[in-house]
Amino acid sequence: MRSHLFWKCVLPALALAGVLGSAGAAPYAYVPNEKSGTISVIDIATRRVETSIATGGAPRGIAASADGKRLYVSDKAAHGLVVIDLDARQVVARIPLGESPEGVSLSPDGRWVVAAVELSNSVVFVDTVTREIAFSIKTSGKNPEHAVFSPDGRWLYVSAEEADSVDVIEVGTRREVVSIKVGQRPRGIGFLPDGSRAYVACELASTVYAIDVAGQAVVAAIKAGQFANGIAVAPDGKRVYVSNGRDASVSVIDAAKNEAFATVAVGKRPWGLAATADGRAVFVANGRSNSVSVIDGASLKVSETIEVGELPWGVTIR
């Protein structure tokens, strides 16, 4: 009788512990909703919003730590960086950055989280351990929007709204070393997994520029849809996905040929996007549709549309 009562009490508790323990388990897609002041948490397996994390303000740029424990989000309204504990799914720190921070990126070694800060025309480096600003670097381009590390962590590529070039920062020396001419209003940036090439979407040019990283020079200009914006590179490096804001579509580029070979219709005003680790799906934030389109990597068709908060800005998957 005692044994029966013991297991009757313990088993439900163990089951509940299992549920709670898996709350932060990978993989999830995290979507910052600028107008709602929330992060939508999408279960990759079920393609459903599991919960929302309140951040307040206007969350935009987003990056997740490699271990899936922390989420870093720029808050444009509060001029800061929000740090979220993904086990507890709550804000644990707020770090002042300066006015109008946007794109956020983590260094491959996890030491730095950087944010492009528009009004100061700089990139701010925050120490992920101390959660304090370590230093900032001025950029040539005005109103920097995205700052993305190369896979080896040597370079930081920075795009700016009021520019026609990409500023290249050498992380080790903490200085801008070159500015690479591209099209007007460069936006999203993505590197091939081996770091040999970077792809930059230029909004007003509606073109994606392929940059040879070793030579720091453009090697191809690839026509995309109207208002090319976000970039996501497939994990195997064979494809580059580009969101086209005005066309409500995603262009798919063959990285070997540097040619666009497919276009996928998605929601209104697509911005940030991200591919799953297995490359089977791409999640696209549709800013004016308040949704995320899931593109099937095999058929190159939208398999699901997931409702999120208002004005989703980007996606990160971990």
Protein backbone atom coordinates (compact mmCIF):
# COMPACT_ATOMS: atom_id res chain seq x y z
CA MET A 1 0.00 0.00 0.00
CA ARG A 2 2.83 2.37 0.91
CA SER A 3 4.60 1.57 -2.36
CA HIS A 4 1.45 2.27 -4.34
CA LEU A 5 0.90 5.60 -2.61
CA PHE A 6 4.57 6.54 -3.01
CA TRP A 7 4.57 6.06 -6.78
CA LYS A 8 1.11 7.63 -7.07
CA CYS A 9 2.58 10.81 -5.59
CA VAL A 10 6.07 10.68 -7.09
CA LEU A 11 5.32 9.83 -10.71
CA PRO A 12 3.23 12.97 -11.41
CA ALA A 13 5.94 15.05 -9.74
CA LEU A 14 8.61 13.47 -11.93
CA ALA A 15 6.50 14.06 -15.00
CA LEU A 16 6.03 17.71 -14.05
CA ALA A 17 9.77 18.08 -13.43
CA GLY A 18 10.41 16.66 -16.87
CA VAL A 19 8.10 19.21 -18.44
CA LEU A 20 9.67 22.09 -16.56
CA GLY A 21 13.17 20.87 -17.25
CA SER A 22 12.53 20.79 -20.99
CA ALA A 23 11.09 24.32 -21.11
CA GLY A 24 14.33 25.77 -22.41
CA ALA A 25 15.35 22.76 -24.52
CA ALA A 26 16.36 23.31 -28.12
CA PRO A 27 15.38 23.94 -30.78
CA TYR A 28 13.24 27.05 -30.70
CA ALA A 29 12.80 30.04 -32.96
CA TYR A 30 12.81 33.36 -31.11
CA VAL A 31 11.02 36.28 -32.76
CA PRO A 32 11.22 39.88 -31.43
CA ASN A 33 7.93 41.74 -31.86
CA GLU A 34 8.78 45.42 -31.98
CA LYS A 35 5.31 46.85 -31.38
CA SER A 36 4.17 44.24 -28.85
CA GLY A 37 7.33 44.44 -26.73
CA THR A 38 7.59 40.66 -26.62
CA ILE A 39 9.61 37.69 -27.87
CA SER A 40 7.54 34.90 -29.41
CA VAL A 41 8.97 31.45 -28.63
CA ILE A 42 8.19 28.97 -31.40
CA ASP A 43 8.71 25.24 -30.95
CA ILE A 44 10.49 24.12 -34.13
CA ALA A 45 9.00 20.61 -33.96
CA THR A 46 5.35 21.58 -33.50
CA ARG A 47 5.55 24.93 -35.34
CA ARG A 48 3.50 26.53 -32.57
CA VAL A 49 4.09 29.54 -30.33
CA GLU A 50 4.81 27.97 -26.96
CA THR A 51 4.94 31.22 -25.01
CA SER A 52 5.87 34.90 -25.19
CA ILE A 53 8.55 36.64 -23.14
CA ALA A 54 7.77 40.22 -22.16
CA THR A 55 10.63 42.64 -22.73
CA GLY A 56 8.79 45.93 -22.98
CA GLY A 57 10.08 48.69 -25.24
CA ALA A 58 10.74 47.89 -28.89
CA PRO A 59 12.78 44.68 -29.31
CA ARG A 60 14.57 44.40 -32.66
CA GLY A 61 17.98 42.77 -33.13
CA ILE A 62 18.34 39.33 -31.57
CA ALA A 63 21.03 36.70 -30.96
CA ALA A 64 21.20 33.53 -28.85
CA SER A 65 24.22 32.09 -27.07
CA ALA A 66 25.65 28.84 -28.46
CA ASP A 67 24.58 26.90 -25.36
CA GLY A 68 21.01 28.14 -25.65
CA LYS A 69 21.10 29.71 -22.19
CA ARG A 70 20.93 33.41 -23.04
CA LEU A 71 19.14 35.63 -25.49
CA TYR A 72 20.41 39.11 -26.32
CA VAL A 73 17.93 41.61 -27.74
CA SER A 74 18.33 45.27 -28.67
CA ASP A 75 15.61 47.57 -27.35
CA LYS A 76 15.37 50.54 -29.68
CA ALA A 77 12.93 52.46 -27.45
CA ALA A 78 14.94 52.07 -24.24
CA HIS A 79 18.31 52.49 -26.01
CA GLY A 80 19.71 49.32 -24.52
CA LEU A 81 20.44 45.61 -24.66
CA VAL A 82 18.10 43.17 -22.94
CA VAL A 83 19.54 39.91 -21.60
CA ILE A 84 17.08 37.03 -21.22
CA ASP A 85 17.65 33.82 -19.26
CA LEU A 86 16.14 31.14 -21.49
CA ASP A 87 15.76 28.55 -18.72
CA ALA A 88 13.66 30.97 -16.67
CA ARG A 89 12.41 32.77 -19.80
CA GLN A 90 12.66 36.16 -18.22
CA VAL A 91 14.73 39.34 -18.45
CA VAL A 92 17.76 39.25 -16.14
CA ALA A 93 19.65 42.38 -17.22
CA ARG A 94 19.33 45.63 -19.16
CA ILE A 95 22.47 47.31 -20.48
CA PRO A 96 22.41 50.94 -21.74
CA LEU A 97 23.94 51.23 -25.22
CA GLY A 98 23.08 54.62 -26.68
CA GLU A 99 20.25 55.78 -28.90
CA SER A 100 18.63 53.47 -31.44
CA PRO A 101 20.46 50.12 -31.20
CA GLU A 102 19.49 47.64 -33.92
CA GLY A 103 21.33 44.51 -35.14
CA VAL A 104 22.88 42.21 -32.53
CA SER A 105 25.53 39.53 -33.01
CA LEU A 106 27.58 37.17 -30.81
CA SER A 107 31.24 36.39 -31.42
CA PRO A 108 31.91 32.70 -32.20
CA ASP A 109 33.79 32.25 -28.92
CA GLY A 110 30.89 33.76 -26.96
CA ARG A 111 33.05 36.50 -25.45
CA TRP A 112 31.36 39.49 -27.07
CA VAL A 113 27.86 40.53 -27.94
CA VAL A 114 27.86 43.51 -30.28
CA ALA A 115 25.12 45.93 -31.23
CA ALA A 116 25.00 48.43 -34.07
CA VAL A 117 24.00 51.79 -32.59
CA GLU A 118 22.56 54.16 -35.17
CA LEU A 119 22.81 57.64 -33.72
CA SER A 120 26.40 57.26 -32.46
CA ASN A 121 27.51 55.64 -35.75
CA SER A 122 29.29 52.92 -33.83
CA VAL A 123 29.37 49.27 -32.88
CA VAL A 124 29.32 48.60 -29.14
CA PHE A 125 31.10 45.54 -27.70
CA VAL A 126 29.59 44.15 -24.50
CA ASP A 127 31.42 41.57 -22.37
CA THR A 128 29.02 38.62 -21.97
CA VAL A 129 30.48 37.72 -18.55
CA THR A 130 30.52 41.13 -16.86
CA ARG A 131 27.57 42.46 -18.93
CA GLU A 132 29.35 45.76 -19.24
CA ILE A 133 30.41 47.77 -22.29
CA ALA A 134 34.07 47.04 -22.98
CA PHE A 135 34.60 49.40 -25.91
CA SER A 136 32.98 50.82 -29.03
CA ILE A 137 34.24 51.32 -32.58
CA LYS A 138 33.18 54.12 -34.91
CA THR A 139 32.00 53.18 -38.38
CA SER A 140 32.27 55.08 -41.65
CA GLY A 141 28.68 54.34 -42.62
CA LYS A 142 25.96 56.43 -41.03
CA ASN A 143 23.13 54.75 -39.10
CA PRO A 144 24.71 51.28 -38.83
CA GLU A 145 22.03 48.60 -38.72
CA HIS A 146 23.67 45.18 -38.75
CA ALA A 147 27.01 43.96 -37.39
CA VAL A 148 27.88 40.30 -38.05
CA PHE A 149 30.98 38.29 -37.08
CA SER A 150 32.79 36.08 -39.58
CA PRO A 151 32.77 32.39 -38.55
CA ASP A 152 36.38 32.58 -37.32
CA GLY A 153 35.66 35.73 -35.31
CA ARG A 154 38.41 37.71 -37.04
CA TRP A 155 36.15 40.15 -38.86
CA LEU A 156 33.02 42.10 -38.06
CA TYR A 157 31.06 43.27 -41.11
CA VAL A 158 28.83 46.31 -40.54
CA SER A 159 26.06 47.63 -42.80
CA ALA A 160 24.50 51.07 -42.52
CA GLU A 161 21.24 52.56 -43.76
CA GLU A 162 22.81 55.75 -45.09
CA ALA A 163 25.65 54.10 -46.99
CA ASP A 164 26.61 52.23 -50.12
CA SER A 165 29.41 50.22 -48.55
CA VAL A 166 30.14 47.64 -45.86
CA ASP A 167 32.58 48.58 -43.11
CA VAL A 168 35.00 45.84 -42.08
CA ILE A 169 36.30 45.82 -38.52
CA GLU A 170 39.31 43.72 -37.55
CA VAL A 171 38.26 42.46 -34.13
CA GLY A 172 41.79 41.81 -32.85
CA THR A 173 42.99 45.35 -33.49
CA ARG A 174 39.61 46.92 -32.72
CA ARG A 175 39.57 49.17 -35.77
CA GLU A 176 37.90 49.55 -39.12
CA VAL A 177 40.36 48.42 -41.79
CA VAL A 178 38.44 48.77 -45.04
CA SER A 179 35.10 49.85 -46.48
CA ILE A 180 33.81 47.70 -49.33
CA LYS A 181 31.65 49.37 -51.97
CA VAL A 182 28.28 47.67 -52.55
CA GLY A 183 24.81 49.00 -53.44
CA GLN A 184 22.70 51.62 -51.73
CA ARG A 185 21.37 50.96 -48.24
CA PRO A 186 23.08 47.69 -47.27
CA ARG A 187 21.11 45.67 -44.73
CA GLY A 188 21.35 41.97 -43.87
CA ILE A 189 24.69 40.16 -43.85
CA GLY A 190 25.48 36.43 -43.85
CA PHE A 191 28.67 34.38 -44.15
CA LEU A 192 29.20 30.97 -45.71
CA PRO A 193 30.02 28.43 -42.98
CA ASP A 194 33.68 28.25 -44.08
CA GLY A 195 33.96 32.04 -43.93
CA SER A 196 35.16 32.34 -47.51
CA ARG A 197 32.34 34.59 -48.67
CA ALA A 198 29.90 37.09 -47.21
CA TYR A 199 26.55 38.06 -48.71
CA VAL A 200 25.10 41.54 -48.22
CA ALA A 201 21.53 42.53 -49.15
CA CYS A 202 21.22 46.11 -50.39
CA GLU A 203 17.70 47.40 -50.07
CA LEU A 204 17.53 50.28 -52.53
CA ALA A 205 19.62 48.40 -55.09
CA SER A 206 17.42 45.28 -54.69
CA THR A 207 20.65 43.35 -55.11
CA VAL A 208 22.77 40.95 -53.06
CA TYR A 209 26.54 41.40 -53.21
CA ALA A 210 28.87 38.43 -52.71
CA ILE A 211 32.14 39.45 -51.06
CA ASP A 212 35.36 37.42 -51.13
CA VAL A 213 36.50 37.66 -47.53
CA ALA A 214 40.18 36.94 -48.16
CA GLY A 215 40.40 39.67 -50.78
CA GLN A 216 37.80 41.95 -49.14
CA ALA A 217 36.24 42.61 -52.55
CA VAL A 218 32.90 42.10 -54.31
CA VAL A 219 32.95 39.09 -56.65
CA ALA A 220 29.28 39.01 -57.71
CA ALA A 221 26.16 41.16 -57.78
CA ILE A 222 23.00 39.05 -57.68
CA LYS A 223 19.63 40.56 -58.51
CA ALA A 224 17.01 39.81 -55.87
CA GLY A 225 13.44 41.04 -55.35
CA GLN A 226 12.48 44.61 -54.54
CA PHE A 227 13.93 45.96 -51.29
CA ALA A 228 16.25 43.04 -50.51
CA ASN A 229 16.68 43.06 -46.76
CA GLY A 230 17.47 40.01 -44.61
CA ILE A 231 20.02 37.25 -45.26
CA ALA A 232 20.11 33.66 -44.03
CA VAL A 233 22.72 31.14 -45.18
CA ALA A 234 21.89 27.43 -45.21
CA PRO A 235 24.04 25.39 -42.76
CA ASP A 236 25.66 23.47 -45.63
CA GLY A 237 26.52 26.73 -47.41
CA LYS A 238 24.77 25.75 -50.63
CA ARG A 239 21.97 28.30 -50.49
CA VAL A 240 21.49 31.90 -49.45
CA TYR A 241 17.97 33.10 -48.60
CA VAL A 242 17.08 36.78 -49.07
CA SER A 243 13.93 38.51 -47.82
CA ASN A 244 12.44 41.05 -50.23
CA GLY A 245 10.47 43.62 -48.25
CA ARG A 246 8.43 45.25 -50.99
CA ASP A 247 7.78 42.03 -52.94
CA ALA A 248 6.66 39.99 -49.90
CA SER A 249 8.95 37.21 -51.04
CA VAL A 250 12.19 35.35 -50.38
CA SER A 251 14.78 34.85 -53.13
CA VAL A 252 16.87 31.67 -53.05
CA ILE A 253 20.47 31.93 -54.29
CA ASP A 254 22.67 29.05 -55.44
CA ALA A 255 25.93 29.86 -53.63
CA ALA A 256 28.05 27.85 -56.07
CA LYS A 257 26.78 29.82 -59.07
CA ASN A 258 25.95 33.08 -57.28
CA GLU A 259 22.59 33.09 -59.03
CA ALA A 260 19.01 33.36 -57.75
CA PHE A 261 17.04 30.33 -58.93
CA ALA A 262 13.76 30.48 -56.99
CA THR A 263 11.35 32.92 -55.38
CA VAL A 264 8.98 32.04 -52.53
CA ALA A 265 5.95 34.20 -51.67
CA VAL A 266 5.67 34.93 -47.93
CA GLY A 267 3.86 37.49 -45.75
CA LYS A 268 3.96 41.28 -46.02
CA ARG A 269 7.20 43.12 -45.45
CA PRO A 270 9.52 40.21 -44.61
CA TRP A 271 12.61 41.29 -42.65
CA GLY A 272 14.83 38.94 -40.64
CA LEU A 273 14.99 35.21 -41.31
CA ALA A 274 16.90 32.15 -40.12
CA ALA A 275 17.49 28.56 -41.22
CA THR A 276 17.17 25.56 -38.91
CA ALA A 277 20.35 23.65 -38.03
CA ASP A 278 19.43 20.79 -40.36
CA GLY A 279 18.59 23.18 -43.20
CA ARG A 280 15.15 21.69 -43.67
CA ALA A 281 13.27 24.90 -42.95
CA VAL A 282 13.67 28.67 -43.03
CA PHE A 283 11.68 30.89 -40.65
CA VAL A 284 10.83 34.35 -42.01
CA ALA A 285 9.53 37.26 -39.90
CA ASN A 286 6.79 39.13 -41.77
CA GLY A 287 6.74 42.61 -40.23
CA ARG A 288 3.44 43.81 -41.68
CA SER A 289 1.59 40.50 -41.45
CA ASN A 290 2.42 39.85 -37.78
CA SER A 291 3.42 36.34 -38.73
CA VAL A 292 6.29 33.96 -39.44
CA SER A 293 6.36 32.02 -42.70
CA VAL A 294 8.06 28.62 -42.61
CA ILE A 295 9.67 27.69 -45.92
CA ASP A 296 10.23 23.99 -46.56
CA GLY A 297 13.83 23.55 -47.74
CA ALA A 298 12.98 20.66 -50.08
CA SER A 299 9.92 22.02 -51.90
CA LEU A 300 10.77 25.73 -51.46
CA LYS A 301 7.16 26.40 -50.55
CA VAL A 302 5.60 27.83 -47.40
CA SER A 303 4.54 24.90 -45.23
CA GLU A 304 3.17 26.89 -42.27
CA THR A 305 2.24 30.42 -41.31
CA ILE A 306 2.55 31.14 -37.60
CA GLU A 307 0.86 34.12 -35.97
CA VAL A 308 3.16 36.06 -33.62
CA GLY A 309 3.13 39.52 -32.03
CA GLU A 310 2.92 42.88 -33.72
CA LEU A 311 5.70 43.98 -36.07
CA PRO A 312 8.07 41.00 -35.88
CA TRP A 313 11.58 42.19 -36.78
CA GLY A 314 13.78 39.09 -36.99
CA VAL A 315 14.39 35.47 -36.08
CA THR A 316 17.10 33.53 -34.33
CA ILE A 317 17.07 29.76 -33.86
CA ARG A 318 18.75 27.83 -31.07
